[in-house]
Amino acid sequence: MTQALINPALMTWSRRRAGLTQAELAESIPVKEEKVLAWEAGESRPTFRQAQQWADRAHIPFGFLFLKAPPQEALPLPDLRTVGGDTPVSPSVDLLDTVRDVLRKQAWYLDYLAEQEREALPFVGRFSSADTVDDVVADLRRVLGVLAPPNKGGDEYMRQLVAGADAAGILVMRSGIVGSNTHRKLDVGEFRGFAISDKYAPAVFINLADAPAARLFTLIHELAHIWIGSSGISSASPADSRKIETFCNAVAGEFLVPELLFRERWKNSVDWMALLPELAAGFHVSKLVIARRACDLGFISRDAYAAFYLAELKAYRDQKGGGGNFYQSAEGKNSKRFSRAVLSEALSGRLLLREAGKLLGVQPAKVRTYAEKTDE
C-alpha cells in the first residue's frame, strides 16, 4: 500500500497536543505500539489510511502531518485564566476547538442578523471595570428581568437567567464536551467559561464539566464580561488577580449574594459549613455560592473554599447519571436563540438541512425533529 510521506515530528507533536500516549494512539488506529514508535522515529511510514486515522484521532487536519514545522496556535480570545497564580502555558486542543466552534456559530449568526437589519445591543460595553459593581449589577438585573433576591432557586433560577440573557440577544452556550463528541470531555481545571463581546451577537460559554452549583457564578461572571465589553477565557477563581477578572468576580458575587445582606446574616463560627444551608435557602442559591461569597469577603480562607469546592465537584461526578434528553442537550449547547435562527433558515429552504445539521451538531435527518422539540 502507498505510504504517506508525512513529517515524523508532526506525528509526535500532534499526539502530544491531543494528550495521547503512544499506546493509546496505537490502539485507536489500530496497530501495535511498536509501529507508532517507528513512525515517530522516522524508521517507517504509515499508509495514507493510517495517517488519516492518526489525524482524526489527534484532532488535526490531515494536511498538518505534511508540514515542515508545527503551526503556531494561539487562543483567538484573551486568556484571562490563572492556575496557581500564573497564566497556563498553552491551551489544550479541546479548549481551542470549543472556542473555534463558538466563534464559527457566532459568525454565522452575525451574517443572519445582517439580513434581519438588527440594531446594536445597548448593554454591550455599557460599563467598564472603572464603574461601580453596584451599577453593573443593577443594570444586569434590569436587562435580565430578575428580582433581588430571586423568588426561586436552583435549576429554575439558572433557567430564568439563561432565558433572560437569550431574550436580551445573548447566545448562551453550555456543554461539557467538544462539539458532539462524548469522548472529548472538557476539563474544568482548564477553564470554566468564556465570553465573546460583540455589539450585535455577544456569546457566553459555560463549561458543564463543572459542578452545577458553580455554574451560576460562572454565568454571571461571563455576562459581566459582556457588560464591560471584554472578551476572554476565564477560570473564575478566587485567586484571580487580573483587574477585569477581579471585577467580574465581584459583580457575580454581588448579583447572587448582596454584600450588605450577607454580612447581616453571617455568623462567625468555627463550624462555618453549618451556616451554609440556611444562608443558601435565604438567598436561593447553592451552598457553594455562599461559600464562594464567604471566601471573597474574607470570612473563610481560599484553601477552605477550594477544599469545599473540590468536595462538591467530586460529589457531582460520583452521582452523575445518563446523558438526559438529546434535543434539550443540543439546544443547551447551541443556545435557544442560535437554534431558532438556524432552524428557521433550514425550514424555509434558505439553508440546506446538511448545513443546518453541521451548525447544530445533529444529523440532517434530525433537524426537523429538533425544530419540533425547540418549539415545545
Protein backbone atom coordinates (compact mmCIF):
# COMPACT_ATOMS: atom_id res chain seq x y z
CA MET A 1 0.00 0.00 0.00
CA THR A 2 1.12 3.56 -0.71
CA GLN A 3 2.99 5.14 2.17
CA ALA A 4 2.23 8.69 3.32
CA LEU A 5 5.35 10.87 3.22
CA ILE A 6 4.46 12.64 6.44
CA ASN A 7 6.78 14.51 8.81
CA PRO A 8 7.52 12.24 11.82
CA ALA A 9 8.00 15.29 14.04
CA LEU A 10 4.43 16.37 13.27
CA MET A 11 3.17 12.95 14.34
CA THR A 12 4.82 13.35 17.73
CA TRP A 13 3.63 16.96 18.05
CA SER A 14 0.01 16.14 17.17
CA ARG A 15 -0.11 13.16 19.53
CA ARG A 16 1.23 15.16 22.47
CA ARG A 17 -1.04 18.10 21.61
CA ALA A 18 -4.04 15.77 21.86
CA GLY A 19 -2.81 14.45 25.21
CA LEU A 20 -2.42 10.88 23.93
CA THR A 21 0.18 8.26 24.77
CA GLN A 22 1.75 6.18 22.02
CA ALA A 23 -0.15 3.16 23.31
CA GLU A 24 -3.49 4.98 23.18
CA LEU A 25 -2.95 6.17 19.65
CA ALA A 26 -1.79 2.74 18.51
CA GLU A 27 -4.93 1.15 19.94
CA SER A 28 -7.22 3.59 18.13
CA ILE A 29 -5.80 3.01 14.62
CA PRO A 30 -5.32 0.01 15.46
CA VAL A 31 -1.68 -1.05 15.15
CA LYS A 32 0.96 -2.33 17.53
CA GLU A 33 2.65 0.29 19.69
CA GLU A 34 5.97 -0.61 18.08
CA LYS A 35 4.68 0.75 14.77
CA VAL A 36 3.82 4.09 16.31
CA LEU A 37 7.29 4.27 17.83
CA ALA A 38 8.81 3.52 14.42
CA TRP A 39 6.67 6.14 12.67
CA GLU A 40 7.61 8.85 15.15
CA ALA A 41 11.28 7.88 14.87
CA GLY A 42 11.10 8.09 11.07
CA GLU A 43 12.10 4.45 10.70
CA SER A 44 8.95 3.60 8.73
CA ARG A 45 5.87 5.39 7.42
CA PRO A 46 2.14 4.81 7.80
CA THR A 47 -0.18 4.19 4.88
CA PHE A 48 -2.43 7.03 3.78
CA ARG A 49 -5.36 5.42 5.57
CA GLN A 50 -3.35 5.05 8.78
CA ALA A 51 -2.15 8.66 8.53
CA GLN A 52 -5.75 9.83 8.08
CA GLN A 53 -6.80 7.80 11.12
CA TRP A 54 -3.94 9.39 13.07
CA ALA A 55 -5.08 12.89 12.08
CA ASP A 56 -8.67 12.10 13.07
CA ARG A 57 -7.62 10.73 16.44
CA ALA A 58 -5.29 13.67 17.10
CA HIS A 59 -7.99 16.17 16.03
CA ILE A 60 -5.95 17.93 13.34
CA PRO A 61 -6.43 18.50 9.58
CA PHE A 62 -4.78 15.69 7.60
CA GLY A 63 -2.52 18.19 5.82
CA PHE A 64 -0.86 19.20 9.09
CA LEU A 65 1.11 15.93 9.08
CA PHE A 66 2.97 17.10 5.95
CA LEU A 67 4.07 20.47 7.33
CA LYS A 68 7.75 21.19 7.92
CA ALA A 69 7.09 22.50 11.42
CA PRO A 70 4.12 22.62 13.81
CA PRO A 71 1.79 25.57 13.18
CA GLN A 72 1.73 28.38 15.70
CA GLU A 73 -1.53 28.06 17.62
CA ALA A 74 -2.95 30.72 19.87
CA LEU A 75 -6.28 31.25 21.53
CA PRO A 76 -8.42 33.62 19.44
CA LEU A 77 -9.62 35.26 22.68
CA PRO A 78 -7.74 36.95 25.54
CA ASP A 79 -6.55 34.35 28.03
CA LEU A 80 -7.60 35.57 31.48
CA ARG A 81 -7.17 32.25 33.27
CA THR A 82 -4.89 31.70 36.25
CA VAL A 83 -3.63 28.40 37.59
CA GLY A 84 -1.61 28.71 40.77
CA GLY A 85 -1.32 32.43 40.16
CA ASP A 86 0.12 32.02 36.66
CA THR A 87 -1.35 32.03 33.16
CA PRO A 88 -1.40 28.47 31.73
CA VAL A 89 1.37 27.87 29.21
CA SER A 90 -0.76 26.57 26.35
CA PRO A 91 -4.43 25.72 25.76
CA SER A 92 -5.50 22.15 25.14
CA VAL A 93 -6.84 21.07 21.76
CA ASP A 94 -10.25 20.64 23.42
CA LEU A 95 -10.33 24.26 24.57
CA LEU A 96 -9.10 25.51 21.18
CA ASP A 97 -11.73 23.52 19.29
CA THR A 98 -14.51 24.66 21.65
CA VAL A 99 -13.64 28.34 21.24
CA ARG A 100 -13.41 27.95 17.46
CA ASP A 101 -16.79 26.19 17.36
CA VAL A 102 -18.49 29.01 19.26
CA LEU A 103 -16.79 31.64 17.07
CA ARG A 104 -17.95 29.78 13.94
CA LYS A 105 -21.54 29.79 15.18
CA GLN A 106 -21.33 33.42 16.19
CA ALA A 107 -20.01 34.35 12.73
CA TRP A 108 -22.95 32.60 11.08
CA TYR A 109 -25.38 34.32 13.43
CA LEU A 110 -23.86 37.73 12.65
CA ASP A 111 -24.44 37.11 8.93
CA TYR A 112 -28.01 36.09 9.74
CA LEU A 113 -28.56 39.26 11.76
CA ALA A 114 -27.17 41.41 8.95
CA GLU A 115 -30.03 40.21 6.75
CA GLN A 116 -32.52 41.00 9.52
CA GLU A 117 -31.22 44.57 9.89
CA ARG A 118 -30.96 44.25 13.66
CA GLU A 119 -29.70 47.10 15.82
CA ALA A 120 -26.74 47.01 18.19
CA LEU A 121 -27.45 45.86 21.76
CA PRO A 122 -27.13 48.88 24.08
CA PHE A 123 -25.92 46.99 27.16
CA VAL A 124 -22.79 45.54 25.49
CA GLY A 125 -19.84 47.56 26.76
CA ARG A 126 -22.15 49.96 28.62
CA PHE A 127 -19.77 49.91 31.59
CA SER A 128 -16.07 49.41 32.29
CA SER A 129 -14.13 47.96 35.20
CA ALA A 130 -13.76 51.55 36.45
CA ASP A 131 -17.50 51.73 37.16
CA THR A 132 -19.05 50.56 40.41
CA VAL A 133 -20.03 46.94 40.91
CA ASP A 134 -23.45 48.06 42.15
CA ASP A 135 -24.21 49.93 38.91
CA VAL A 136 -23.33 46.92 36.75
CA VAL A 137 -25.34 44.56 38.96
CA ALA A 138 -28.39 46.84 38.83
CA ASP A 139 -28.26 47.03 35.03
CA LEU A 140 -27.76 43.28 34.73
CA ARG A 141 -30.87 42.70 36.83
CA ARG A 142 -32.88 45.17 34.78
CA VAL A 143 -31.91 43.69 31.40
CA LEU A 144 -32.27 40.06 32.53
CA GLY A 145 -35.54 40.81 34.29
CA VAL A 146 -34.74 39.12 37.62
CA LEU A 147 -35.59 40.08 41.17
CA ALA A 148 -33.21 40.64 44.08
CA PRO A 149 -33.35 38.26 45.84
CA PRO A 150 -34.89 35.80 43.37
CA ASN A 151 -38.17 34.09 44.17
CA LYS A 152 -36.83 30.74 43.03
CA GLY A 153 -33.50 28.97 43.33
CA GLY A 154 -31.57 26.04 41.93
CA ASP A 155 -32.15 24.92 38.35
CA GLU A 156 -35.17 27.20 37.97
CA TYR A 157 -33.06 30.28 38.79
CA MET A 158 -30.48 29.19 36.22
CA ARG A 159 -33.20 28.68 33.59
CA GLN A 160 -34.61 32.12 34.38
CA LEU A 161 -31.22 33.79 33.96
CA VAL A 162 -30.43 31.94 30.73
CA ALA A 163 -33.88 32.80 29.35
CA GLY A 164 -33.38 36.45 30.29
CA ALA A 165 -29.99 36.58 28.58
CA ASP A 166 -31.40 34.84 25.50
CA ALA A 167 -34.31 37.29 25.30
CA ALA A 168 -31.85 40.18 25.55
CA GLY A 169 -29.96 38.89 22.48
CA ILE A 170 -27.09 36.93 24.06
CA LEU A 171 -26.07 33.48 22.83
CA VAL A 172 -25.71 31.35 25.98
CA MET A 173 -24.00 28.06 25.09
CA ARG A 174 -23.41 25.29 27.61
CA SER A 175 -21.60 21.98 27.22
CA GLY A 176 -19.21 19.62 28.95
CA ILE A 177 -17.81 18.08 25.76
CA VAL A 178 -16.23 19.22 22.50
CA GLY A 179 -18.99 19.55 19.91
CA SER A 180 -20.98 16.31 19.92
CA ASN A 181 -18.03 14.06 20.76
CA THR A 182 -18.81 12.43 24.12
CA HIS A 183 -15.26 11.04 24.24
CA ARG A 184 -13.78 14.56 24.38
CA LYS A 185 -14.76 15.82 27.81
CA LEU A 186 -13.85 19.38 28.76
CA ASP A 187 -11.59 19.92 31.76
CA VAL A 188 -12.99 22.31 34.36
CA GLY A 189 -9.48 22.61 35.76
CA GLU A 190 -8.51 24.33 32.50
CA PHE A 191 -11.39 26.78 32.17
CA ARG A 192 -14.90 27.40 33.49
CA GLY A 193 -16.26 29.61 30.76
CA PHE A 194 -15.59 32.35 28.26
CA ALA A 195 -17.26 35.44 26.85
CA ILE A 196 -17.19 36.92 23.34
CA SER A 197 -18.22 40.55 23.42
CA ASP A 198 -19.95 41.82 20.29
CA LYS A 199 -22.42 44.69 19.85
CA TYR A 200 -24.79 42.52 17.81
CA ALA A 201 -24.18 38.91 18.82
CA PRO A 202 -22.49 38.58 22.22
CA ALA A 203 -21.90 34.99 23.31
CA VAL A 204 -21.00 33.23 26.54
CA PHE A 205 -19.98 29.61 27.04
CA ILE A 206 -20.36 27.69 30.32
CA ASN A 207 -18.33 24.52 30.94
CA LEU A 208 -20.82 21.90 32.13
CA ALA A 209 -18.00 19.72 33.41
CA ASP A 210 -18.15 21.96 36.46
CA ALA A 211 -20.44 21.23 39.40
CA PRO A 212 -23.96 22.59 38.76
CA ALA A 213 -23.73 24.71 41.91
CA ALA A 214 -20.72 26.57 40.47
CA ARG A 215 -22.18 27.25 37.01
CA LEU A 216 -24.47 30.01 38.25
CA PHE A 217 -21.48 32.07 39.37
CA THR A 218 -19.70 31.43 36.06
CA LEU A 219 -22.75 32.54 34.06
CA ILE A 220 -22.97 35.90 35.84
CA HIS A 221 -19.19 36.29 35.65
CA GLU A 222 -19.26 35.84 31.87
CA LEU A 223 -22.27 38.14 31.46
CA ALA A 224 -20.33 40.78 33.41
CA HIS A 225 -17.66 40.49 30.71
CA ILE A 226 -20.30 41.37 28.10
CA TRP A 227 -21.49 44.37 30.13
CA ILE A 228 -17.96 45.81 30.23
CA GLY A 229 -17.25 44.87 26.60
CA SER A 230 -14.41 42.49 27.46
CA SER A 231 -13.92 39.14 25.73
CA GLY A 232 -11.89 36.45 27.44
CA ILE A 233 -11.49 32.91 28.74
CA SER A 234 -11.96 32.63 32.49
CA SER A 235 -11.16 30.34 35.36
CA ALA A 236 -13.47 32.46 37.59
CA SER A 237 -11.22 31.62 40.53
CA PRO A 238 -11.00 33.50 43.86
CA ALA A 239 -7.25 33.61 43.21
CA ASP A 240 -7.66 35.70 40.02
CA SER A 241 -5.62 38.88 40.37
CA ARG A 242 -6.25 40.48 36.97
CA LYS A 243 -8.32 43.64 37.29
CA ILE A 244 -11.00 42.53 34.82
CA GLU A 245 -11.39 39.10 36.41
CA THR A 246 -11.50 40.54 39.91
CA PHE A 247 -14.20 42.97 38.79
CA CYS A 248 -16.32 40.29 37.09
CA ASN A 249 -15.97 38.06 40.16
CA ALA A 250 -17.19 40.95 42.31
CA VAL A 251 -20.18 41.53 40.01
CA ALA A 252 -21.13 37.85 40.13
CA GLY A 253 -20.81 37.75 43.90
CA GLU A 254 -22.89 40.89 44.46
CA PHE A 255 -25.52 39.81 41.92
CA LEU A 256 -26.07 36.44 43.59
CA VAL A 257 -25.45 37.35 47.24
CA PRO A 258 -25.58 41.10 48.05
CA GLU A 259 -22.81 42.00 50.47
CA LEU A 260 -24.85 44.01 52.99
CA LEU A 261 -27.43 41.26 53.41
CA PHE A 262 -24.72 38.64 53.62
CA ARG A 263 -22.84 40.47 56.37
CA GLU A 264 -26.06 40.83 58.34
CA ARG A 265 -26.78 37.10 58.18
CA TRP A 266 -23.30 35.61 58.51
CA LYS A 267 -22.43 34.44 62.00
CA ASN A 268 -18.79 33.90 62.83
CA SER A 269 -18.48 30.27 63.77
CA VAL A 270 -15.82 27.62 64.00
CA ASP A 271 -18.11 25.34 62.00
CA TRP A 272 -18.76 27.69 59.08
CA MET A 273 -20.13 24.88 56.92
CA ALA A 274 -23.07 24.54 59.31
CA LEU A 275 -24.14 28.06 58.28
CA LEU A 276 -24.38 27.24 54.58
CA PRO A 277 -27.80 25.50 54.32
CA GLU A 278 -29.72 28.34 55.97
CA LEU A 279 -27.94 31.06 54.00
CA ALA A 280 -28.30 29.13 50.74
CA ALA A 281 -32.04 28.82 51.32
CA GLY A 282 -32.34 32.50 52.20
CA PHE A 283 -30.56 33.72 49.07
CA HIS A 284 -32.00 30.98 46.80
CA VAL A 285 -28.53 29.87 45.71
CA SER A 286 -26.36 26.83 46.39
CA LYS A 287 -24.17 26.22 49.42
CA LEU A 288 -21.19 26.50 47.07
CA VAL A 289 -22.17 30.04 46.01
CA ILE A 290 -22.49 31.01 49.69
CA ALA A 291 -19.06 29.52 50.43
CA ARG A 292 -17.61 31.43 47.47
CA ARG A 293 -19.10 34.67 48.77
CA ALA A 294 -17.70 34.00 52.25
CA CYS A 295 -14.28 33.45 50.69
CA ASP A 296 -14.43 36.62 48.56
CA LEU A 297 -15.43 38.70 51.58
CA GLY A 298 -12.70 37.24 53.79
CA PHE A 299 -14.83 35.15 56.15
CA ILE A 300 -13.13 31.89 55.15
CA SER A 301 -9.75 31.18 53.58
CA ARG A 302 -9.16 30.35 49.93
CA ASP A 303 -7.85 26.95 50.98
CA ALA A 304 -11.05 26.24 52.90
CA TYR A 305 -13.17 27.26 49.92
CA ALA A 306 -11.03 25.25 47.49
CA ALA A 307 -11.43 22.11 49.61
CA PHE A 308 -15.20 22.63 49.79
CA TYR A 309 -15.42 23.22 46.03
CA LEU A 310 -13.44 20.07 45.23
CA ALA A 311 -15.70 18.04 47.53
CA GLU A 312 -18.78 19.41 45.73
CA LEU A 313 -17.24 18.66 42.33
CA LYS A 314 -16.39 15.10 43.40
CA ALA A 315 -19.93 14.56 44.69
CA TYR A 316 -21.32 15.74 41.35
CA ARG A 317 -19.04 13.45 39.36
CA ASP A 318 -19.82 10.48 41.61
CA GLN A 319 -23.58 10.80 41.18
CA LYS A 320 -23.59 11.88 37.54
CA GLY A 321 -26.18 9.87 35.61
CA GLY A 322 -27.10 9.49 31.95
CA GLY A 323 -26.96 12.00 29.15
CA GLY A 324 -30.53 13.29 29.50
CA ASN A 325 -32.77 14.46 26.67
CA PHE A 326 -30.85 14.67 23.37
CA TYR A 327 -32.67 17.71 22.00
CA GLN A 328 -32.58 19.62 25.28
CA SER A 329 -28.83 18.99 25.45
CA ALA A 330 -28.39 20.12 21.85
CA GLU A 331 -30.35 23.31 22.48
CA GLY A 332 -28.21 23.98 25.56
CA LYS A 333 -25.02 23.56 23.51
CA ASN A 334 -26.22 25.84 20.73
CA SER A 335 -28.42 28.27 22.71
CA LYS A 336 -32.12 28.70 22.04
CA ARG A 337 -31.56 31.90 20.06
CA PHE A 338 -28.97 30.38 17.70
CA SER A 339 -31.01 27.18 17.33
CA ARG A 340 -34.14 29.04 16.28
CA ALA A 341 -32.24 31.16 13.77
CA VAL A 342 -30.65 28.13 12.09
CA LEU A 343 -33.89 26.14 12.14
CA SER A 344 -35.94 28.98 10.66
CA GLU A 345 -33.47 29.26 7.78
CA ALA A 346 -33.43 25.50 7.24
CA LEU A 347 -37.20 25.03 7.32
CA SER A 348 -37.74 27.97 4.96
CA GLY A 349 -35.38 26.39 2.42
CA ARG A 350 -32.75 29.14 2.64
CA LEU A 351 -30.28 26.77 4.34
CA LEU A 352 -29.60 23.16 3.40
CA LEU A 353 -30.51 20.62 6.07
CA ARG A 354 -26.95 19.32 5.77
CA GLU A 355 -25.51 22.73 6.63
CA ALA A 356 -28.04 23.22 9.43
CA GLY A 357 -27.03 19.85 10.87
CA LYS A 358 -23.36 20.85 10.83
CA LEU A 359 -24.08 24.11 12.61
CA LEU A 360 -26.26 22.46 15.25
CA GLY A 361 -24.17 19.31 15.68
CA VAL A 362 -27.01 16.95 14.73
CA GLN A 363 -27.68 14.63 11.82
CA PRO A 364 -29.56 16.28 8.92
CA ALA A 365 -32.40 13.77 9.38
CA LYS A 366 -32.92 15.06 12.94
CA VAL A 367 -33.16 18.76 12.08
CA ARG A 368 -36.96 18.77 11.68
CA THR A 369 -37.46 16.89 14.95
CA TYR A 370 -35.07 19.35 16.61
CA ALA A 371 -37.32 22.17 15.38
CA GLU A 372 -40.41 20.48 16.81
CA LYS A 373 -38.75 19.94 20.19
CA THR A 374 -37.46 23.52 20.31
CA ASP A 375 -40.99 24.87 19.88
CA GLU A 376 -42.34 22.81 22.80
